[in-house]
Amino acid sequence: VANAIEPAVLQNCIFCHQSDEAGH
């Protein structure tokens, strides 16, 4: 949602883990 509103947010993001929930 945040990325759709303001795409530049992605450059500050560290993705900490891959969830076991389907889809992640």
PDB file of all heavy atoms in Angstrom:
ATOM      1  N   VAL A   1       0.841  -1.200   0.000  1.00  0.00           N
ATOM      2  CA  VAL A   1       0.000   0.000   0.000  1.00  0.00           C
ATOM      3  C   VAL A   1       0.877   1.252   0.000  1.00  0.00           C
ATOM      4  O   VAL A   1       0.697   2.170  -0.810  1.00  0.00           O
ATOM      5  CB  VAL A   1      -0.945   0.014   1.211  1.00  0.00           C
ATOM      6  CG1 VAL A   1      -1.768   1.298   1.229  1.00  0.00           C
ATOM      7  CG2 VAL A   1      -1.861  -1.206   1.205  1.00  0.00           C
ATOM      8  N   ALA A   2       1.840   1.288   0.921  1.00  0.00           N
ATOM      9  CA  ALA A   2       2.736   2.448   1.018  1.00  0.00           C
ATOM     10  C   ALA A   2       3.484   2.668  -0.284  1.00  0.00           C
ATOM     11  O   ALA A   2       3.634   3.805  -0.754  1.00  0.00           O
ATOM     12  CB  ALA A   2       3.713   2.252   2.177  1.00  0.00           C
ATOM     13  N   ASN A   3       3.942   1.585  -0.888  1.00  0.00           N
ATOM     14  CA  ASN A   3       4.700   1.658  -2.129  1.00  0.00           C
ATOM     15  C   ASN A   3       3.838   2.160  -3.281  1.00  0.00           C
ATOM     16  O   ASN A   3       4.321   2.855  -4.178  1.00  0.00           O
ATOM     17  CB  ASN A   3       5.277   0.281  -2.454  1.00  0.00           C
ATOM     18  CG  ASN A   3       6.201   0.296  -3.656  1.00  0.00           C
ATOM     19  OD1 ASN A   3       7.208   0.988  -3.672  1.00  0.00           O
ATOM     20  ND2 ASN A   3       5.853  -0.479  -4.676  1.00  0.00           N
ATOM     21  N   ALA A   4       2.547   1.811  -3.260  1.00  0.00           N
ATOM     22  CA  ALA A   4       1.635   2.289  -4.305  1.00  0.00           C
ATOM     23  C   ALA A   4       1.386   3.791  -4.174  1.00  0.00           C
ATOM     24  O   ALA A   4       1.188   4.478  -5.172  1.00  0.00           O
ATOM     25  CB  ALA A   4       0.312   1.526  -4.226  1.00  0.00           C
ATOM     26  N   ILE A   5       1.408   4.281  -2.946  1.00  0.00           N
ATOM     27  CA  ILE A   5       1.207   5.716  -2.712  1.00  0.00           C
ATOM     28  C   ILE A   5       2.500   6.485  -2.932  1.00  0.00           C
ATOM     29  O   ILE A   5       2.511   7.554  -3.549  1.00  0.00           O
ATOM     30  CB  ILE A   5       0.674   5.955  -1.280  1.00  0.00           C
ATOM     31  CG1 ILE A   5      -0.683   5.274  -1.091  1.00  0.00           C
ATOM     32  CG2 ILE A   5       0.567   7.454  -0.989  1.00  0.00           C
ATOM     33  CD1 ILE A   5      -1.186   5.288   0.345  1.00  0.00           C
ATOM     34  N   GLU A   6       3.610   5.927  -2.438  1.00  0.00           N
ATOM     35  CA  GLU A   6       4.907   6.603  -2.514  1.00  0.00           C
ATOM     36  C   GLU A   6       5.994   5.567  -2.789  1.00  0.00           C
ATOM     37  O   GLU A   6       6.580   4.993  -1.868  1.00  0.00           O
ATOM     38  CB  GLU A   6       5.184   7.342  -1.198  1.00  0.00           C
ATOM     39  CG  GLU A   6       6.502   8.073  -1.153  1.00  0.00           C
ATOM     40  CD  GLU A   6       6.764   8.933  -2.372  1.00  0.00           C
ATOM     41  OE1 GLU A   6       6.199  10.022  -2.452  1.00  0.00           O
ATOM     42  OE2 GLU A   6       7.538   8.494  -3.256  1.00  0.00           O
ATOM     43  N   PRO A   7       6.292   5.296  -4.089  1.00  0.00           N
ATOM     44  CA  PRO A   7       7.228   4.219  -4.440  1.00  0.00           C
ATOM     45  C   PRO A   7       8.627   4.357  -3.847  1.00  0.00           C
ATOM     46  O   PRO A   7       9.311   3.351  -3.653  1.00  0.00           O
ATOM     47  CB  PRO A   7       7.267   4.294  -5.974  1.00  0.00           C
ATOM     48  CG  PRO A   7       5.973   4.921  -6.360  1.00  0.00           C
ATOM     49  CD  PRO A   7       5.664   5.901  -5.273  1.00  0.00           C
ATOM     50  N   ALA A   8       9.067   5.574  -3.541  1.00  0.00           N
ATOM     51  CA  ALA A   8      10.417   5.757  -3.019  1.00  0.00           C
ATOM     52  C   ALA A   8      10.613   5.141  -1.639  1.00  0.00           C
ATOM     53  O   ALA A   8      11.743   5.013  -1.172  1.00  0.00           O
ATOM     54  CB  ALA A   8      10.766   7.245  -2.971  1.00  0.00           C
ATOM     55  N   VAL A   9       9.522   4.739  -0.971  1.00  0.00           N
ATOM     56  CA  VAL A   9       9.643   4.150   0.359  1.00  0.00           C
ATOM     57  C   VAL A   9      10.477   2.876   0.327  1.00  0.00           C
ATOM     58  O   VAL A   9      11.149   2.520   1.297  1.00  0.00           O
ATOM     59  CB  VAL A   9       8.239   3.884   0.964  1.00  0.00           C
ATOM     60  CG1 VAL A   9       7.537   2.740   0.271  1.00  0.00           C
ATOM     61  CG2 VAL A   9       8.330   3.614   2.452  1.00  0.00           C
ATOM     62  N   LEU A  10      10.464   2.183  -0.797  1.00  0.00           N
ATOM     63  CA  LEU A  10      11.112   0.875  -0.895  1.00  0.00           C
ATOM     64  C   LEU A  10      12.610   0.947  -0.648  1.00  0.00           C
ATOM     65  O   LEU A  10      13.207   0.001  -0.101  1.00  0.00           O
ATOM     66  CB  LEU A  10      10.824   0.273  -2.275  1.00  0.00           C
ATOM     67  CG  LEU A  10      11.093  -1.216  -2.467  1.00  0.00           C
ATOM     68  CD1 LEU A  10      10.242  -2.042  -1.519  1.00  0.00           C
ATOM     69  CD2 LEU A  10      10.826  -1.610  -3.914  1.00  0.00           C
ATOM     70  N   GLN A  11      13.255   2.045  -1.016  1.00  0.00           N
ATOM     71  CA  GLN A  11      14.705   2.132  -0.891  1.00  0.00           C
ATOM     72  C   GLN A  11      15.175   2.130   0.560  1.00  0.00           C
ATOM     73  O   GLN A  11      16.341   1.829   0.834  1.00  0.00           O
ATOM     74  CB  GLN A  11      15.218   3.373  -1.612  1.00  0.00           C
ATOM     75  CG  GLN A  11      14.809   4.695  -0.972  1.00  0.00           C
ATOM     76  CD  GLN A  11      15.131   5.902  -1.842  1.00  0.00           C
ATOM     77  OE1 GLN A  11      15.427   5.766  -3.022  1.00  0.00           O
ATOM     78  NE2 GLN A  11      15.078   7.089  -1.244  1.00  0.00           N
ATOM     79  N   ASN A  12      14.291   2.433   1.487  1.00  0.00           N
ATOM     80  CA  ASN A  12      14.661   2.460   2.909  1.00  0.00           C
ATOM     81  C   ASN A  12      14.363   1.151   3.621  1.00  0.00           C
ATOM     82  O   ASN A  12      14.614   1.033   4.823  1.00  0.00           O
ATOM     83  CB  ASN A  12      13.918   3.589   3.622  1.00  0.00           C
ATOM     84  CG  ASN A  12      14.463   4.960   3.294  1.00  0.00           C
ATOM     85  OD1 ASN A  12      14.578   5.322   2.127  1.00  0.00           O
ATOM     86  ND2 ASN A  12      14.803   5.737   4.309  1.00  0.00           N
ATOM     87  N   CYS A  13      13.824   0.170   2.908  1.00  0.00           N
ATOM     88  CA  CYS A  13      13.311  -1.048   3.541  1.00  0.00           C
ATOM     89  C   CYS A  13      14.314  -2.192   3.549  1.00  0.00           C
ATOM     90  O   CYS A  13      14.891  -2.542   2.510  1.00  0.00           O
ATOM     91  CB  CYS A  13      12.042  -1.514   2.825  1.00  0.00           C
ATOM     92  SG  CYS A  13      10.640  -0.394   3.015  1.00  0.00           S
ATOM     93  N   ILE A  14      14.488  -2.786   4.718  1.00  0.00           N
ATOM     94  CA  ILE A  14      15.238  -4.034   4.881  1.00  0.00           C
ATOM     95  C   ILE A  14      14.216  -5.121   5.176  1.00  0.00           C
ATOM     96  O   ILE A  14      13.444  -5.019   6.136  1.00  0.00           O
ATOM     97  CB  ILE A  14      16.260  -3.924   6.024  1.00  0.00           C
ATOM     98  CG1 ILE A  14      17.346  -2.903   5.662  1.00  0.00           C
ATOM     99  CG2 ILE A  14      16.883  -5.288   6.335  1.00  0.00           C
ATOM    100  CD1 ILE A  14      18.269  -2.562   6.817  1.00  0.00           C
ATOM    101  N   PHE A  15      14.206  -6.155   4.363  1.00  0.00           N
ATOM    102  CA  PHE A  15      13.221  -7.227   4.503  1.00  0.00           C
ATOM    103  C   PHE A  15      13.810  -8.313   5.394  1.00  0.00           C
ATOM    104  O   PHE A  15      14.773  -8.976   5.035  1.00  0.00           O
ATOM    105  CB  PHE A  15      12.821  -7.748   3.125  1.00  0.00           C
ATOM    106  CG  PHE A  15      12.047  -6.719   2.344  1.00  0.00           C
ATOM    107  CD1 PHE A  15      12.727  -5.733   1.643  1.00  0.00           C
ATOM    108  CD2 PHE A  15      10.665  -6.710   2.364  1.00  0.00           C
ATOM    109  CE1 PHE A  15      12.022  -4.751   0.955  1.00  0.00           C
ATOM    110  CE2 PHE A  15       9.964  -5.734   1.681  1.00  0.00           C
ATOM    111  CZ  PHE A  15      10.638  -4.753   0.967  1.00  0.00           C
ATOM    112  N   CYS A  16      13.223  -8.441   6.568  1.00  0.00           N
ATOM    113  CA  CYS A  16      13.873  -9.195   7.633  1.00  0.00           C
ATOM    114  C   CYS A  16      13.727 -10.708   7.498  1.00  0.00           C
ATOM    115  O   CYS A  16      14.633 -11.439   7.869  1.00  0.00           O
ATOM    116  CB  CYS A  16      13.330  -8.733   8.985  1.00  0.00           C
ATOM    117  SG  CYS A  16      13.817  -7.022   9.360  1.00  0.00           S
ATOM    118  N   HIS A  17      12.600 -11.165   7.002  1.00  0.00           N
ATOM    119  CA  HIS A  17      12.448 -12.619   6.871  1.00  0.00           C
ATOM    120  C   HIS A  17      11.368 -12.944   5.855  1.00  0.00           C
ATOM    121  O   HIS A  17      10.577 -12.080   5.463  1.00  0.00           O
ATOM    122  CB  HIS A  17      12.108 -13.258   8.222  1.00  0.00           C
ATOM    123  CG  HIS A  17      10.670 -13.108   8.634  1.00  0.00           C
ATOM    124  ND1 HIS A  17       9.794 -14.179   8.728  1.00  0.00           N
ATOM    125  CD2 HIS A  17       9.950 -12.024   8.981  1.00  0.00           C
ATOM    126  CE1 HIS A  17       8.608 -13.745   9.125  1.00  0.00           C
ATOM    127  NE2 HIS A  17       8.668 -12.445   9.286  1.00  0.00           N
ATOM    128  N   GLN A  18      11.381 -14.194   5.415  1.00  0.00           N
ATOM    129  CA  GLN A  18      10.316 -14.709   4.551  1.00  0.00           C
ATOM    130  C   GLN A  18       9.357 -15.510   5.402  1.00  0.00           C
ATOM    131  O   GLN A  18       9.720 -16.515   6.004  1.00  0.00           O
ATOM    132  CB  GLN A  18      10.893 -15.591   3.437  1.00  0.00           C
ATOM    133  CG  GLN A  18       9.825 -16.167   2.515  1.00  0.00           C
ATOM    134  CD  GLN A  18      10.428 -16.993   1.408  1.00  0.00           C
ATOM    135  OE1 GLN A  18      11.261 -16.510   0.635  1.00  0.00           O
ATOM    136  NE2 GLN A  18      10.047 -18.257   1.333  1.00  0.00           N
ATOM    137  N   SER A  19       8.130 -15.039   5.468  1.00  0.00           N
ATOM    138  CA  SER A  19       7.113 -15.703   6.282  1.00  0.00           C
ATOM    139  C   SER A  19       6.755 -17.067   5.710  1.00  0.00           C
ATOM    140  O   SER A  19       6.864 -17.315   4.507  1.00  0.00           O
ATOM    141  CB  SER A  19       5.863 -14.822   6.342  1.00  0.00           C
ATOM    142  OG  SER A  19       4.773 -15.522   6.909  1.00  0.00           O
ATOM    143  N   ASP A  20       6.285 -17.946   6.576  1.00  0.00           N
ATOM    144  CA  ASP A  20       5.787 -19.246   6.148  1.00  0.00           C
ATOM    145  C   ASP A  20       4.348 -19.153   5.637  1.00  0.00           C
ATOM    146  O   ASP A  20       3.801 -20.127   5.150  1.00  0.00           O
ATOM    147  CB  ASP A  20       5.854 -20.246   7.315  1.00  0.00           C
ATOM    148  CG  ASP A  20       5.903 -21.690   6.847  1.00  0.00           C
ATOM    149  OD1 ASP A  20       6.552 -21.954   5.825  1.00  0.00           O
ATOM    150  OD2 ASP A  20       5.281 -22.551   7.498  1.00  0.00           O
ATOM    151  N   GLU A  21       3.740 -17.978   5.764  1.00  0.00           N
ATOM    152  CA  GLU A  21       2.385 -17.763   5.256  1.00  0.00           C
ATOM    153  C   GLU A  21       2.402 -17.754   3.726  1.00  0.00           C
ATOM    154  O   GLU A  21       3.242 -17.108   3.095  1.00  0.00           O
ATOM    155  CB  GLU A  21       1.832 -16.440   5.783  1.00  0.00           C
ATOM    156  CG  GLU A  21       0.476 -16.052   5.241  1.00  0.00           C
ATOM    157  CD  GLU A  21      -0.666 -16.928   5.741  1.00  0.00           C
ATOM    158  OE1 GLU A  21      -0.436 -17.782   6.636  1.00  0.00           O
ATOM    159  OE2 GLU A  21      -1.790 -16.760   5.246  1.00  0.00           O
ATOM    160  N   ALA A  22       1.474 -18.500   3.139  1.00  0.00           N
ATOM    161  CA  ALA A  22       1.402 -18.563   1.682  1.00  0.00           C
ATOM    162  C   ALA A  22       1.274 -17.168   1.109  1.00  0.00           C
ATOM    163  O   ALA A  22       0.533 -16.336   1.602  1.00  0.00           O
ATOM    164  CB  ALA A  22       0.212 -19.418   1.264  1.00  0.00           C
ATOM    165  N   GLY A  23       2.001 -16.899   0.075  1.00  0.00           N
ATOM    166  CA  GLY A  23       1.927 -15.607  -0.591  1.00  0.00           C
ATOM    167  C   GLY A  23       3.093 -14.687  -0.300  1.00  0.00           C
ATOM    168  O   GLY A  23       3.427 -13.844  -1.138  1.00  0.00           O
ATOM    169  N   HIS A  24       3.729 -14.829   0.850  1.00  0.00           N
ATOM    170  CA  HIS A  24       4.783 -13.871   1.174  1.00  0.00           C
ATOM    171  C   HIS A  24       5.984 -13.995   0.244  1.00  0.00           C
ATOM    172  O   HIS A  24       6.561 -12.987  -0.193  1.00  0.00           O
ATOM    173  CB  HIS A  24       5.230 -14.010   2.630  1.00  0.00           C
ATOM    174  CG  HIS A  24       6.065 -12.857   3.091  1.00  0.00           C
ATOM    175  ND1 HIS A  24       7.182 -13.016   3.885  1.00  0.00           N
ATOM    176  CD2 HIS A  24       5.966 -11.514   2.865  1.00  0.00           C
ATOM    177  CE1 HIS A  24       7.716 -11.829   4.129  1.00  0.00           C
ATOM    178  NE2 HIS A  24       6.995 -10.906   3.518  1.00  0.00           N
TER     179      HIS A  24
END
